[in-house]
């Protein structure tokens, strides 16, 4: 069976920093930035890229739909 590697892209300008995605991530890929976006919100970003499995939990729970998940079979 092929392994799956994941990658996420977060639209930091649309992220409101609710942190729901951080709690939903089973592999602790996502963290909050100390910087703020143009709207003044701290935003989520993928800190630990290599741990992403592409489970899509973060994208499913994001209330603003700012997370895109990619999955690659390796």
PDB file of N, CA and C in Angstrom:
ATOM      1  N   UNK A   1       0.837  -1.180   0.000  1.00  0.00           N
ATOM      2  CA  UNK A   1       0.000   0.000   0.000  1.00  0.00           C
ATOM      3  C   UNK A   1       0.885   1.248   0.000  1.00  0.00           C
ATOM      4  N   UNK A   2       0.518   2.211  -0.798  1.00  0.00           N
ATOM      5  CA  UNK A   2       1.308   3.434  -0.927  1.00  0.00           C
ATOM      6  C   UNK A   2       1.102   4.354   0.271  1.00  0.00           C
ATOM      7  N   UNK A   3       2.160   5.011   0.670  1.00  0.00           N
ATOM      8  CA  UNK A   3       2.062   6.013   1.727  1.00  0.00           C
ATOM      9  C   UNK A   3       1.561   7.316   1.110  1.00  0.00           C
ATOM     10  N   UNK A   4       0.951   8.139   1.945  1.00  0.00           N
ATOM     11  CA  UNK A   4       0.445   9.427   1.475  1.00  0.00           C
ATOM     12  C   UNK A   4       1.171  10.536   2.204  1.00  0.00           C
ATOM     13  N   UNK A   5       1.662  11.498   1.459  1.00  0.00           N
ATOM     14  CA  UNK A   5       2.329  12.686   2.006  1.00  0.00           C
ATOM     15  C   UNK A   5       1.394  13.857   1.761  1.00  0.00           C
ATOM     16  N   UNK A   6       1.238  14.689   2.728  1.00  0.00           N
ATOM     17  CA  UNK A   6       0.347  15.826   2.588  1.00  0.00           C
ATOM     18  C   UNK A   6       1.086  17.144   2.606  1.00  0.00           C
ATOM     19  N   UNK A   7       0.393  18.156   2.129  1.00  0.00           N
ATOM     20  CA  UNK A   7       0.900  19.529   2.180  1.00  0.00           C
ATOM     21  C   UNK A   7      -0.301  20.462   2.264  1.00  0.00           C
ATOM     22  N   UNK A   8      -0.161  21.514   3.050  1.00  0.00           N
ATOM     23  CA  UNK A   8      -1.259  22.478   3.156  1.00  0.00           C
ATOM     24  C   UNK A   8      -0.785  23.865   2.763  1.00  0.00           C
ATOM     25  N   UNK A   9      -1.727  24.618   2.231  1.00  0.00           N
ATOM     26  CA  UNK A   9      -1.487  26.024   1.924  1.00  0.00           C
ATOM     27  C   UNK A   9      -2.583  26.817   2.620  1.00  0.00           C
ATOM     28  N   UNK A  10      -2.176  27.817   3.379  1.00  0.00           N
ATOM     29  CA  UNK A  10      -3.123  28.649   4.114  1.00  0.00           C
ATOM     30  C   UNK A  10      -3.076  30.062   3.544  1.00  0.00           C
ATOM     31  N   UNK A  11      -4.240  30.593   3.195  1.00  0.00           N
ATOM     32  CA  UNK A  11      -4.324  31.972   2.702  1.00  0.00           C
ATOM     33  C   UNK A  11      -4.239  32.886   3.927  1.00  0.00           C
ATOM     34  N   UNK A  12      -3.036  33.361   4.217  1.00  0.00           N
ATOM     35  CA  UNK A  12      -2.821  34.102   5.461  1.00  0.00           C
ATOM     36  C   UNK A  12      -3.565  35.442   5.500  1.00  0.00           C
ATOM     37  N   UNK A  13      -3.886  35.998   4.363  1.00  0.00           N
ATOM     38  CA  UNK A  13      -4.621  37.268   4.342  1.00  0.00           C
ATOM     39  C   UNK A  13      -6.086  37.091   4.720  1.00  0.00           C
ATOM     40  N   UNK A  14      -6.620  35.896   4.543  1.00  0.00           N
ATOM     41  CA  UNK A  14      -8.022  35.640   4.884  1.00  0.00           C
ATOM     42  C   UNK A  14      -8.179  34.956   6.236  1.00  0.00           C
ATOM     43  N   UNK A  15      -7.080  34.455   6.801  1.00  0.00           N
ATOM     44  CA  UNK A  15      -7.132  33.758   8.086  1.00  0.00           C
ATOM     45  C   UNK A  15      -7.425  34.748   9.207  1.00  0.00           C
ATOM     46  N   UNK A  16      -8.376  34.389  10.084  1.00  0.00           N
ATOM     47  CA  UNK A  16      -8.743  35.248  11.213  1.00  0.00           C
ATOM     48  C   UNK A  16      -8.142  34.783  12.527  1.00  0.00           C
ATOM     49  N   UNK A  17      -7.327  33.728  12.476  1.00  0.00           N
ATOM     50  CA  UNK A  17      -6.617  33.280  13.668  1.00  0.00           C
ATOM     51  C   UNK A  17      -7.476  32.632  14.724  1.00  0.00           C
ATOM     52  N   UNK A  18      -8.510  31.910  14.338  1.00  0.00           N
ATOM     53  CA  UNK A  18      -9.409  31.290  15.320  1.00  0.00           C
ATOM     54  C   UNK A  18      -8.781  30.080  16.016  1.00  0.00           C
ATOM     55  N   UNK A  19      -7.715  29.512  15.435  1.00  0.00           N
ATOM     56  CA  UNK A  19      -6.962  28.384  15.987  1.00  0.00           C
ATOM     57  C   UNK A  19      -7.710  27.057  15.993  1.00  0.00           C
ATOM     58  N   UNK A  20      -8.843  26.957  15.327  1.00  0.00           N
ATOM     59  CA  UNK A  20      -9.593  25.701  15.265  1.00  0.00           C
ATOM     60  C   UNK A  20      -8.778  24.643  14.518  1.00  0.00           C
ATOM     61  N   UNK A  21      -8.066  25.043  13.480  1.00  0.00           N
ATOM     62  CA  UNK A  21      -7.274  24.099  12.689  1.00  0.00           C
ATOM     63  C   UNK A  21      -6.140  23.484  13.508  1.00  0.00           C
ATOM     64  N   UNK A  22      -5.595  24.239  14.431  1.00  0.00           N
ATOM     65  CA  UNK A  22      -4.499  23.732  15.264  1.00  0.00           C
ATOM     66  C   UNK A  22      -4.980  22.570  16.117  1.00  0.00           C
ATOM     67  N   UNK A  23      -6.153  22.710  16.697  1.00  0.00           N
ATOM     68  CA  UNK A  23      -6.720  21.646  17.522  1.00  0.00           C
ATOM     69  C   UNK A  23      -7.111  20.429  16.690  1.00  0.00           C
ATOM     70  N   UNK A  24      -7.499  20.639  15.440  1.00  0.00           N
ATOM     71  CA  UNK A  24      -7.954  19.543  14.582  1.00  0.00           C
ATOM     72  C   UNK A  24      -6.812  18.734  13.987  1.00  0.00           C
ATOM     73  N   UNK A  25      -5.607  19.284  13.962  1.00  0.00           N
ATOM     74  CA  UNK A  25      -4.473  18.620  13.326  1.00  0.00           C
ATOM     75  C   UNK A  25      -3.889  17.536  14.238  1.00  0.00           C
ATOM     76  N   UNK A  26      -3.936  16.259  13.805  1.00  0.00           N
ATOM     77  CA  UNK A  26      -3.439  15.188  14.661  1.00  0.00           C
ATOM     78  C   UNK A  26      -1.912  15.095  14.719  1.00  0.00           C
ATOM     79  N   UNK A  27      -1.218  15.788  13.815  1.00  0.00           N
ATOM     80  CA  UNK A  27       0.247  15.686  13.776  1.00  0.00           C
ATOM     81  C   UNK A  27       0.948  17.004  14.112  1.00  0.00           C
ATOM     82  N   UNK A  28       0.224  17.964  14.631  1.00  0.00           N
ATOM     83  CA  UNK A  28       0.779  19.262  15.071  1.00  0.00           C
ATOM     84  C   UNK A  28       1.582  19.967  13.987  1.00  0.00           C
ATOM     85  N   UNK A  29       1.009  20.054  12.805  1.00  0.00           N
ATOM     86  CA  UNK A  29       1.665  20.720  11.676  1.00  0.00           C
ATOM     87  C   UNK A  29       1.490  22.237  11.748  1.00  0.00           C
ATOM     88  N   UNK A  30       0.353  22.693  12.236  1.00  0.00           N
ATOM     89  CA  UNK A  30      -0.018  24.106  12.156  1.00  0.00           C
ATOM     90  C   UNK A  30       0.295  24.838  13.458  1.00  0.00           C
ATOM     91  N   UNK A  31       0.800  26.066  13.313  1.00  0.00           N
ATOM     92  CA  UNK A  31       1.078  26.948  14.448  1.00  0.00           C
ATOM     93  C   UNK A  31       0.550  28.339  14.134  1.00  0.00           C
ATOM     94  N   UNK A  32       0.533  29.166  15.152  1.00  0.00           N
ATOM     95  CA  UNK A  32       0.122  30.560  14.950  1.00  0.00           C
ATOM     96  C   UNK A  32       1.354  31.442  14.789  1.00  0.00           C
ATOM     97  N   UNK A  33       1.290  32.343  13.844  1.00  0.00           N
ATOM     98  CA  UNK A  33       2.392  33.277  13.606  1.00  0.00           C
ATOM     99  C   UNK A  33       2.336  34.400  14.634  1.00  0.00           C
ATOM    100  N   UNK A  34       3.489  34.915  14.963  1.00  0.00           N
ATOM    101  CA  UNK A  34       3.530  36.073  15.854  1.00  0.00           C
ATOM    102  C   UNK A  34       3.234  37.353  15.089  1.00  0.00           C
ATOM    103  N   UNK A  35       3.482  37.312  13.773  1.00  0.00           N
ATOM    104  CA  UNK A  35       3.176  38.464  12.921  1.00  0.00           C
ATOM    105  C   UNK A  35       1.663  38.519  12.674  1.00  0.00           C
ATOM    106  N   UNK A  36       1.203  39.637  12.170  1.00  0.00           N
ATOM    107  CA  UNK A  36      -0.211  39.797  11.826  1.00  0.00           C
ATOM    108  C   UNK A  36      -0.357  40.029  10.328  1.00  0.00           C
ATOM    109  N   UNK A  37      -1.536  39.670   9.792  1.00  0.00           N
ATOM    110  CA  UNK A  37      -1.809  39.928   8.385  1.00  0.00           C
ATOM    111  C   UNK A  37      -2.299  41.368   8.206  1.00  0.00           C
ATOM    112  N   UNK A  38      -2.695  41.735   7.018  1.00  0.00           N
ATOM    113  CA  UNK A  38      -3.086  43.126   6.748  1.00  0.00           C
ATOM    114  C   UNK A  38      -4.353  43.551   7.495  1.00  0.00           C
ATOM    115  N   UNK A  39      -5.112  42.580   7.996  1.00  0.00           N
ATOM    116  CA  UNK A  39      -6.326  42.890   8.760  1.00  0.00           C
ATOM    117  C   UNK A  39      -6.063  42.944  10.263  1.00  0.00           C
ATOM    118  N   UNK A  40      -4.826  42.649  10.661  1.00  0.00           N
ATOM    119  CA  UNK A  40      -4.458  42.733  12.073  1.00  0.00           C
ATOM    120  C   UNK A  40      -4.616  41.452  12.860  1.00  0.00           C
ATOM    121  N   UNK A  41      -4.841  40.334  12.181  1.00  0.00           N
ATOM    122  CA  UNK A  41      -4.993  39.048  12.858  1.00  0.00           C
ATOM    123  C   UNK A  41      -3.684  38.264  12.833  1.00  0.00           C
ATOM    124  N   UNK A  42      -3.377  37.593  13.940  1.00  0.00           N
ATOM    125  CA  UNK A  42      -2.323  36.581  13.897  1.00  0.00           C
ATOM    126  C   UNK A  42      -2.900  35.449  13.061  1.00  0.00           C
ATOM    127  N   UNK A  43      -2.099  34.851  12.220  1.00  0.00           N
ATOM    128  CA  UNK A  43      -2.610  33.842  11.293  1.00  0.00           C
ATOM    129  C   UNK A  43      -1.943  32.494  11.511  1.00  0.00           C
ATOM    130  N   UNK A  44      -2.620  31.445  11.069  1.00  0.00           N
ATOM    131  CA  UNK A  44      -2.078  30.091  11.144  1.00  0.00           C
ATOM    132  C   UNK A  44      -1.131  29.877   9.976  1.00  0.00           C
ATOM    133  N   UNK A  45      -0.112  29.062  10.199  1.00  0.00           N
ATOM    134  CA  UNK A  45       0.811  28.714   9.121  1.00  0.00           C
ATOM    135  C   UNK A  45       1.344  27.300   9.362  1.00  0.00           C
ATOM    136  N   UNK A  46       1.733  26.609   8.290  1.00  0.00           N
ATOM    137  CA  UNK A  46       2.258  25.247   8.458  1.00  0.00           C
ATOM    138  C   UNK A  46       3.714  25.278   8.921  1.00  0.00           C
ATOM    139  N   UNK A  47       3.934  24.992  10.184  1.00  0.00           N
ATOM    140  CA  UNK A  47       5.276  25.063  10.753  1.00  0.00           C
ATOM    141  C   UNK A  47       6.065  23.771  10.528  1.00  0.00           C
ATOM    142  N   UNK A  48       5.401  22.643  10.615  1.00  0.00           N
ATOM    143  CA  UNK A  48       6.070  21.351  10.536  1.00  0.00           C
ATOM    144  C   UNK A  48       5.602  20.599   9.279  1.00  0.00           C
ATOM    145  N   UNK A  49       6.011  21.076   8.103  1.00  0.00           N
ATOM    146  CA  UNK A  49       5.557  20.532   6.816  1.00  0.00           C
ATOM    147  C   UNK A  49       5.698  19.020   6.714  1.00  0.00           C
ATOM    148  N   UNK A  50       6.806  18.480   7.169  1.00  0.00           N
ATOM    149  CA  UNK A  50       7.108  17.066   6.979  1.00  0.00           C
ATOM    150  C   UNK A  50       6.147  16.125   7.715  1.00  0.00           C
ATOM    151  N   UNK A  51       5.471  16.616   8.725  1.00  0.00           N
ATOM    152  CA  UNK A  51       4.572  15.764   9.502  1.00  0.00           C
ATOM    153  C   UNK A  51       3.174  15.657   8.896  1.00  0.00           C
ATOM    154  N   UNK A  52       2.868  16.456   7.895  1.00  0.00           N
ATOM    155  CA  UNK A  52       1.524  16.482   7.312  1.00  0.00           C
ATOM    156  C   UNK A  52       1.213  15.167   6.594  1.00  0.00           C
ATOM    157  N   UNK A  53       0.049  14.598   6.926  1.00  0.00           N
ATOM    158  CA  UNK A  53      -0.391  13.356   6.298  1.00  0.00           C
ATOM    159  C   UNK A  53      -1.475  13.586   5.248  1.00  0.00           C
ATOM    160  N   UNK A  54      -1.941  14.821   5.127  1.00  0.00           N
ATOM    161  CA  UNK A  54      -2.995  15.122   4.164  1.00  0.00           C
ATOM    162  C   UNK A  54      -4.367  14.668   4.618  1.00  0.00           C
ATOM    163  N   UNK A  55      -4.594  14.606   5.910  1.00  0.00           N
ATOM    164  CA  UNK A  55      -5.851  14.091   6.460  1.00  0.00           C
ATOM    165  C   UNK A  55      -7.056  15.000   6.181  1.00  0.00           C
ATOM    166  N   UNK A  56      -6.832  16.248   5.884  1.00  0.00           N
ATOM    167  CA  UNK A  56      -7.836  17.284   5.572  1.00  0.00           C
ATOM    168  C   UNK A  56      -8.653  17.760   6.771  1.00  0.00           C
ATOM    169  N   UNK A  57      -8.318  17.319   7.989  1.00  0.00           N
ATOM    170  CA  UNK A  57      -9.063  17.787   9.165  1.00  0.00           C
ATOM    171  C   UNK A  57      -9.053  19.305   9.277  1.00  0.00           C
ATOM    172  N   UNK A  58      -7.906  19.920   9.036  1.00  0.00           N
ATOM    173  CA  UNK A  58      -7.783  21.371   9.167  1.00  0.00           C
ATOM    174  C   UNK A  58      -8.698  22.103   8.189  1.00  0.00           C
ATOM    175  N   UNK A  59      -8.733  21.636   6.947  1.00  0.00           N
ATOM    176  CA  UNK A  59      -9.562  22.283   5.929  1.00  0.00           C
ATOM    177  C   UNK A  59     -11.047  22.103   6.223  1.00  0.00           C
ATOM    178  N   UNK A  60     -11.407  20.949   6.768  1.00  0.00           N
ATOM    179  CA  UNK A  60     -12.814  20.677   7.068  1.00  0.00           C
ATOM    180  C   UNK A  60     -13.332  21.596   8.174  1.00  0.00           C
ATOM    181  N   UNK A  61     -12.532  21.813   9.217  1.00  0.00           N
ATOM    182  CA  UNK A  61     -13.009  22.614  10.352  1.00  0.00           C
ATOM    183  C   UNK A  61     -12.823  24.118  10.176  1.00  0.00           C
ATOM    184  N   UNK A  62     -12.046  24.544   9.192  1.00  0.00           N
ATOM    185  CA  UNK A  62     -11.795  25.978   9.005  1.00  0.00           C
ATOM    186  C   UNK A  62     -13.096  26.702   8.640  1.00  0.00           C
ATOM    187  N   UNK A  63     -13.553  27.618   9.489  1.00  0.00           N
ATOM    188  CA  UNK A  63     -14.828  28.295   9.218  1.00  0.00           C
ATOM    189  C   UNK A  63     -14.769  29.252   8.025  1.00  0.00           C
ATOM    190  N   UNK A  64     -13.585  29.662   7.650  1.00  0.00           N
ATOM    191  CA  UNK A  64     -13.453  30.613   6.539  1.00  0.00           C
ATOM    192  C   UNK A  64     -12.960  29.959   5.257  1.00  0.00           C
ATOM    193  N   UNK A  65     -12.673  28.668   5.284  1.00  0.00           N
ATOM    194  CA  UNK A  65     -12.258  27.949   4.086  1.00  0.00           C
ATOM    195  C   UNK A  65     -10.956  28.450   3.486  1.00  0.00           C
ATOM    196  N   UNK A  66      -9.981  28.777   4.329  1.00  0.00           N
ATOM    197  CA  UNK A  66      -8.724  29.348   3.830  1.00  0.00           C
ATOM    198  C   UNK A  66      -7.600  28.319   3.688  1.00  0.00           C
ATOM    199  N   UNK A  67      -7.892  27.042   3.970  1.00  0.00           N
ATOM    200  CA  UNK A  67      -6.861  26.007   3.918  1.00  0.00           C
ATOM    201  C   UNK A  67      -7.119  25.063   2.743  1.00  0.00           C
ATOM    202  N   UNK A  68      -6.086  24.863   1.939  1.00  0.00           N
ATOM    203  CA  UNK A  68      -6.122  23.917   0.834  1.00  0.00           C
ATOM    204  C   UNK A  68      -5.162  22.786   1.169  1.00  0.00           C
ATOM    205  N   UNK A  69      -5.619  21.546   0.998  1.00  0.00           N
ATOM    206  CA  UNK A  69      -4.786  20.378   1.315  1.00  0.00           C
ATOM    207  C   UNK A  69      -4.480  19.631   0.027  1.00  0.00           C
ATOM    208  N   UNK A  70      -3.200  19.264  -0.123  1.00  0.00           N
ATOM    209  CA  UNK A  70      -2.753  18.462  -1.252  1.00  0.00           C
ATOM    210  C   UNK A  70      -2.259  17.133  -0.715  1.00  0.00           C
ATOM    211  N   UNK A  71      -2.526  16.054  -1.457  1.00  0.00           N
ATOM    212  CA  UNK A  71      -2.077  14.720  -1.064  1.00  0.00           C
ATOM    213  C   UNK A  71      -1.311  14.093  -2.225  1.00  0.00           C
ATOM    214  N   UNK A  72      -0.161  13.487  -1.898  1.00  0.00           N
ATOM    215  CA  UNK A  72       0.676  12.854  -2.909  1.00  0.00           C
ATOM    216  C   UNK A  72       0.993  11.437  -2.432  1.00  0.00           C
ATOM    217  N   UNK A  73       0.806  10.456  -3.309  1.00  0.00           N
ATOM    218  CA  UNK A  73       1.196   9.091  -2.974  1.00  0.00           C
ATOM    219  C   UNK A  73       2.691   8.949  -3.201  1.00  0.00           C
ATOM    220  N   UNK A  74       3.386   8.373  -2.222  1.00  0.00           N
ATOM    221  CA  UNK A  74       4.833   8.189  -2.359  1.00  0.00           C
ATOM    222  C   UNK A  74       5.206   6.722  -2.237  1.00  0.00           C
TER     223      UNK A  74
END
